[in-house]
N, C-alpha and C. Protein backbone atom coordinates (compact mmCIF):
# COMPACT_ATOMS: atom_id res chain seq x y z
N MET A 1 -12.61 6.87 25.61
CA MET A 1 -12.47 6.16 24.35
C MET A 1 -11.17 5.36 24.37
N LYS A 2 -11.10 4.35 23.52
CA LYS A 2 -9.91 3.51 23.42
C LYS A 2 -9.30 3.64 22.04
N VAL A 3 -7.96 3.78 22.03
CA VAL A 3 -7.19 3.89 20.80
C VAL A 3 -6.10 2.82 20.83
N LYS A 4 -5.86 2.19 19.70
CA LYS A 4 -4.78 1.20 19.60
C LYS A 4 -3.54 1.91 19.08
N ALA A 5 -2.45 1.85 19.81
CA ALA A 5 -1.22 2.54 19.42
C ALA A 5 -0.08 1.54 19.26
N ARG A 6 0.73 1.80 18.23
CA ARG A 6 1.96 1.02 18.01
C ARG A 6 3.12 2.01 17.94
N ALA A 7 4.15 1.74 18.73
CA ALA A 7 5.36 2.56 18.71
C ALA A 7 6.45 1.77 17.99
N TYR A 8 7.13 2.43 17.08
CA TYR A 8 8.15 1.76 16.28
C TYR A 8 9.55 2.31 16.57
N ALA A 9 10.53 1.49 16.23
CA ALA A 9 11.96 1.84 16.33
C ALA A 9 12.30 2.29 17.75
N THR A 10 12.96 3.42 17.89
CA THR A 10 13.44 3.85 19.21
C THR A 10 12.31 4.25 20.15
N LEU A 11 11.10 4.45 19.64
CA LEU A 11 9.97 4.81 20.52
C LEU A 11 9.48 3.61 21.32
N ARG A 12 9.84 2.41 20.90
CA ARG A 12 9.40 1.21 21.63
C ARG A 12 9.89 1.18 23.06
N ARG A 13 11.00 1.84 23.34
CA ARG A 13 11.54 1.81 24.70
C ARG A 13 10.58 2.45 25.70
N TYR A 14 9.67 3.29 25.23
CA TYR A 14 8.71 3.94 26.13
C TYR A 14 7.50 3.06 26.44
N VAL A 15 7.29 2.03 25.66
CA VAL A 15 6.17 1.11 25.89
C VAL A 15 6.66 -0.34 25.90
N PRO A 16 7.54 -0.67 26.85
CA PRO A 16 8.10 -2.03 26.87
C PRO A 16 7.06 -3.12 27.12
N GLU A 17 5.91 -2.74 27.65
CA GLU A 17 4.87 -3.74 27.91
C GLU A 17 4.17 -4.21 26.64
N ALA A 18 4.35 -3.50 25.54
CA ALA A 18 3.73 -3.89 24.27
C ALA A 18 4.58 -4.97 23.60
N ALA A 19 3.94 -6.05 23.22
CA ALA A 19 4.64 -7.12 22.50
C ALA A 19 5.02 -6.61 21.12
N LEU A 20 6.14 -7.08 20.60
CA LEU A 20 6.63 -6.65 19.29
C LEU A 20 5.55 -6.80 18.23
N GLY A 21 5.24 -5.70 17.55
CA GLY A 21 4.24 -5.72 16.48
C GLY A 21 2.80 -5.66 16.94
N GLN A 22 2.58 -5.69 18.24
CA GLN A 22 1.23 -5.66 18.78
C GLN A 22 0.89 -4.26 19.30
N PRO A 23 -0.37 -3.85 19.16
CA PRO A 23 -0.74 -2.53 19.67
C PRO A 23 -0.93 -2.56 21.17
N ILE A 24 -0.83 -1.39 21.76
CA ILE A 24 -1.18 -1.21 23.16
C ILE A 24 -2.45 -0.36 23.16
N VAL A 25 -3.40 -0.73 23.99
CA VAL A 25 -4.66 0.01 24.05
C VAL A 25 -4.49 1.16 25.04
N VAL A 26 -4.81 2.35 24.56
CA VAL A 26 -4.68 3.57 25.37
C VAL A 26 -6.08 4.12 25.61
N GLU A 27 -6.42 4.34 26.87
CA GLU A 27 -7.71 4.95 27.20
C GLU A 27 -7.52 6.45 27.31
N LEU A 28 -8.35 7.19 26.58
CA LEU A 28 -8.25 8.64 26.53
C LEU A 28 -9.65 9.25 26.66
N PRO A 29 -9.74 10.48 27.13
CA PRO A 29 -11.04 11.15 27.19
C PRO A 29 -11.50 11.55 25.78
N PRO A 30 -12.79 11.70 25.57
CA PRO A 30 -13.27 12.17 24.27
C PRO A 30 -12.62 13.51 23.92
N GLY A 31 -12.28 13.66 22.64
CA GLY A 31 -11.65 14.90 22.18
C GLY A 31 -10.14 14.91 22.31
N ALA A 32 -9.56 13.81 22.78
CA ALA A 32 -8.10 13.75 22.95
C ALA A 32 -7.40 13.77 21.59
N THR A 33 -6.18 14.27 21.59
CA THR A 33 -5.38 14.38 20.38
C THR A 33 -4.25 13.35 20.38
N ILE A 34 -3.53 13.29 19.26
CA ILE A 34 -2.35 12.43 19.21
C ILE A 34 -1.37 12.85 20.30
N GLY A 35 -1.20 14.14 20.49
CA GLY A 35 -0.31 14.64 21.54
C GLY A 35 -0.71 14.13 22.91
N ASP A 36 -2.02 14.08 23.17
CA ASP A 36 -2.51 13.56 24.45
C ASP A 36 -2.18 12.07 24.58
N ALA A 37 -2.28 11.33 23.50
CA ALA A 37 -1.95 9.90 23.52
C ALA A 37 -0.46 9.72 23.81
N LEU A 38 0.38 10.56 23.21
CA LEU A 38 1.82 10.49 23.50
C LEU A 38 2.09 10.75 24.97
N ASP A 39 1.43 11.75 25.52
CA ASP A 39 1.60 12.06 26.94
C ASP A 39 1.21 10.86 27.80
N ARG A 40 0.10 10.24 27.48
CA ARG A 40 -0.38 9.09 28.26
C ARG A 40 0.60 7.93 28.17
N LEU A 41 1.22 7.75 27.00
CA LEU A 41 2.19 6.67 26.80
C LEU A 41 3.57 6.99 27.37
N GLY A 42 3.79 8.27 27.71
CA GLY A 42 5.11 8.67 28.22
C GLY A 42 6.14 8.88 27.12
N ILE A 43 5.67 9.09 25.90
CA ILE A 43 6.57 9.33 24.77
C ILE A 43 6.70 10.84 24.58
N PRO A 44 7.91 11.39 24.67
CA PRO A 44 8.08 12.83 24.45
C PRO A 44 7.59 13.24 23.06
N ARG A 45 6.83 14.31 23.02
CA ARG A 45 6.25 14.77 21.75
C ARG A 45 7.33 15.05 20.70
N ALA A 46 8.48 15.55 21.13
CA ALA A 46 9.55 15.88 20.19
C ALA A 46 10.16 14.63 19.54
N GLU A 47 9.96 13.48 20.16
CA GLU A 47 10.55 12.24 19.62
C GLU A 47 9.62 11.52 18.66
N ALA A 48 8.33 11.80 18.70
CA ALA A 48 7.39 11.17 17.77
C ALA A 48 7.18 12.13 16.62
N ARG A 49 7.98 12.00 15.58
CA ARG A 49 7.98 12.98 14.49
C ARG A 49 7.04 12.61 13.35
N VAL A 50 6.70 11.34 13.23
CA VAL A 50 5.80 10.90 12.17
C VAL A 50 4.70 10.07 12.81
N CYS A 51 3.46 10.52 12.65
CA CYS A 51 2.31 9.85 13.26
C CYS A 51 1.26 9.56 12.18
N PHE A 52 0.75 8.35 12.22
CA PHE A 52 -0.30 7.94 11.28
C PHE A 52 -1.52 7.50 12.05
N VAL A 53 -2.70 7.88 11.56
CA VAL A 53 -3.96 7.38 12.08
C VAL A 53 -4.66 6.69 10.92
N ALA A 54 -4.92 5.41 11.08
CA ALA A 54 -5.54 4.61 10.01
C ALA A 54 -4.77 4.75 8.70
N GLY A 55 -3.43 4.80 8.80
CA GLY A 55 -2.58 4.83 7.61
C GLY A 55 -2.41 6.19 6.97
N VAL A 56 -2.95 7.24 7.58
CA VAL A 56 -2.84 8.60 7.03
C VAL A 56 -2.03 9.45 8.00
N ARG A 57 -1.03 10.14 7.47
CA ARG A 57 -0.17 10.97 8.32
C ARG A 57 -0.98 12.12 8.91
N GLN A 58 -0.79 12.33 10.22
CA GLN A 58 -1.51 13.38 10.93
C GLN A 58 -0.55 14.14 11.84
N GLU A 59 -0.94 15.36 12.21
CA GLU A 59 -0.16 16.18 13.14
C GLU A 59 -0.57 15.87 14.57
N LEU A 60 0.21 16.36 15.53
CA LEU A 60 -0.04 16.07 16.95
C LEU A 60 -1.37 16.62 17.45
N ASP A 61 -1.91 17.64 16.80
CA ASP A 61 -3.17 18.22 17.25
C ASP A 61 -4.40 17.52 16.64
N TYR A 62 -4.17 16.45 15.89
CA TYR A 62 -5.27 15.69 15.29
C TYR A 62 -6.12 15.05 16.39
N GLN A 63 -7.43 15.25 16.29
CA GLN A 63 -8.34 14.71 17.30
C GLN A 63 -8.67 13.26 16.98
N LEU A 64 -8.39 12.39 17.94
CA LEU A 64 -8.61 10.96 17.78
C LEU A 64 -10.06 10.59 18.02
N ARG A 65 -10.46 9.43 17.49
CA ARG A 65 -11.79 8.89 17.72
C ARG A 65 -11.68 7.48 18.30
N ASP A 66 -12.73 7.04 18.92
CA ASP A 66 -12.76 5.70 19.50
C ASP A 66 -12.39 4.66 18.44
N ASP A 67 -11.54 3.73 18.81
CA ASP A 67 -11.07 2.63 17.95
C ASP A 67 -10.09 3.05 16.85
N ASP A 68 -9.59 4.29 16.89
CA ASP A 68 -8.56 4.68 15.93
C ASP A 68 -7.31 3.83 16.15
N GLU A 69 -6.55 3.63 15.07
CA GLU A 69 -5.27 2.93 15.15
C GLU A 69 -4.17 3.94 14.87
N LEU A 70 -3.27 4.08 15.82
CA LEU A 70 -2.23 5.09 15.80
C LEU A 70 -0.87 4.42 15.66
N ALA A 71 -0.07 4.88 14.70
CA ALA A 71 1.29 4.38 14.50
C ALA A 71 2.25 5.54 14.73
N LEU A 72 3.26 5.32 15.56
CA LEU A 72 4.18 6.38 15.97
C LEU A 72 5.61 6.02 15.57
N PHE A 73 6.29 6.96 14.91
CA PHE A 73 7.66 6.74 14.45
C PHE A 73 8.55 7.89 14.89
N PRO A 74 9.82 7.59 15.18
CA PRO A 74 10.78 8.65 15.48
C PRO A 74 11.23 9.32 14.18
N PRO A 75 12.05 10.36 14.27
CA PRO A 75 12.58 10.96 13.04
C PRO A 75 13.34 9.91 12.23
N VAL A 76 13.26 10.03 10.92
CA VAL A 76 13.95 9.11 10.03
C VAL A 76 15.16 9.83 9.46
N ALA A 77 16.31 9.20 9.53
CA ALA A 77 17.54 9.83 9.06
C ALA A 77 17.93 9.29 7.69
N GLY A 78 18.75 10.08 7.00
CA GLY A 78 19.29 9.63 5.73
C GLY A 78 18.72 10.40 4.57
N GLY A 79 19.40 10.34 3.47
CA GLY A 79 18.95 11.01 2.26
C GLY A 79 19.17 12.50 2.31
N SER A 80 18.68 13.17 1.31
CA SER A 80 18.82 14.60 1.21
C SER A 80 17.59 15.14 0.50
N ALA A 81 17.10 16.27 0.96
CA ALA A 81 15.91 16.86 0.35
C ALA A 81 16.14 17.14 -1.13
N GLY A 82 15.15 16.83 -1.93
CA GLY A 82 15.22 17.13 -3.35
C GLY A 82 15.98 16.12 -4.17
N GLN A 83 16.46 15.05 -3.58
CA GLN A 83 17.20 14.05 -4.34
C GLN A 83 16.53 12.69 -4.20
N ILE A 84 16.52 11.96 -5.28
CA ILE A 84 15.96 10.62 -5.29
C ILE A 84 17.03 9.67 -5.80
N GLN A 85 17.18 8.55 -5.14
CA GLN A 85 18.11 7.55 -5.65
C GLN A 85 17.32 6.57 -6.50
N ARG A 86 17.76 6.40 -7.73
CA ARG A 86 17.07 5.51 -8.65
C ARG A 86 18.00 4.35 -9.00
N PRO A 87 17.57 3.09 -8.75
CA PRO A 87 18.42 1.97 -9.13
C PRO A 87 18.54 1.89 -10.64
N ARG A 88 19.72 1.51 -11.09
CA ARG A 88 19.98 1.45 -12.52
C ARG A 88 21.00 0.35 -12.82
N ARG A 89 20.78 -0.37 -13.89
CA ARG A 89 21.70 -1.42 -14.28
C ARG A 89 22.86 -0.80 -15.05
N SER A 90 24.06 -1.15 -14.62
CA SER A 90 25.25 -0.64 -15.30
C SER A 90 25.34 -1.32 -16.67
N PRO A 91 25.56 -0.56 -17.75
CA PRO A 91 25.59 -1.18 -19.09
C PRO A 91 26.75 -2.16 -19.27
N ALA A 92 27.85 -1.98 -18.55
CA ALA A 92 29.02 -2.84 -18.74
C ALA A 92 28.90 -4.16 -17.97
N THR A 93 28.03 -4.22 -17.00
CA THR A 93 27.89 -5.44 -16.20
C THR A 93 26.42 -5.71 -15.95
N THR A 94 26.16 -6.79 -15.26
CA THR A 94 24.78 -7.07 -14.86
C THR A 94 24.51 -6.56 -13.44
N ALA A 95 25.48 -5.87 -12.86
CA ALA A 95 25.32 -5.37 -11.50
C ALA A 95 24.42 -4.12 -11.49
N TRP A 96 23.74 -3.95 -10.39
CA TRP A 96 22.90 -2.77 -10.20
C TRP A 96 23.70 -1.71 -9.45
N ARG A 97 23.42 -0.46 -9.75
CA ARG A 97 24.02 0.63 -8.98
C ARG A 97 22.96 1.71 -8.80
N CYS A 98 23.21 2.64 -7.92
CA CYS A 98 22.27 3.73 -7.70
C CYS A 98 22.91 5.03 -8.17
N GLU A 99 22.11 5.90 -8.72
CA GLU A 99 22.61 7.22 -9.06
C GLU A 99 21.68 8.24 -8.41
N ILE A 100 22.23 9.39 -8.11
CA ILE A 100 21.43 10.45 -7.51
C ILE A 100 20.84 11.29 -8.62
N VAL A 101 19.53 11.46 -8.56
CA VAL A 101 18.81 12.24 -9.57
C VAL A 101 18.47 13.58 -8.94
N ARG A 102 18.83 14.66 -9.60
CA ARG A 102 18.54 16.00 -9.06
C ARG A 102 17.47 16.68 -9.89
């Protein structure tokens, strides 16, 4: 089966043959998982922390199907669990600022 894969951010270094923004076609046996696709692409499983198939987040053991579209992202840094930054207009000025909401 064939799967279209896109590697983003630091994962792109593992698939230099893929043009920016373009998928690379990966041939896999029937029943292959996202983890198998990572192995075929040479991307370490520990580095692909967020994976989407057809826009839905999936785990590495998700079984792929022919013509699936796979998006692979490294870990995302920043922020803190349980906190949301909400933009807010300062009453004294027209400038925007962010506050942390707990």
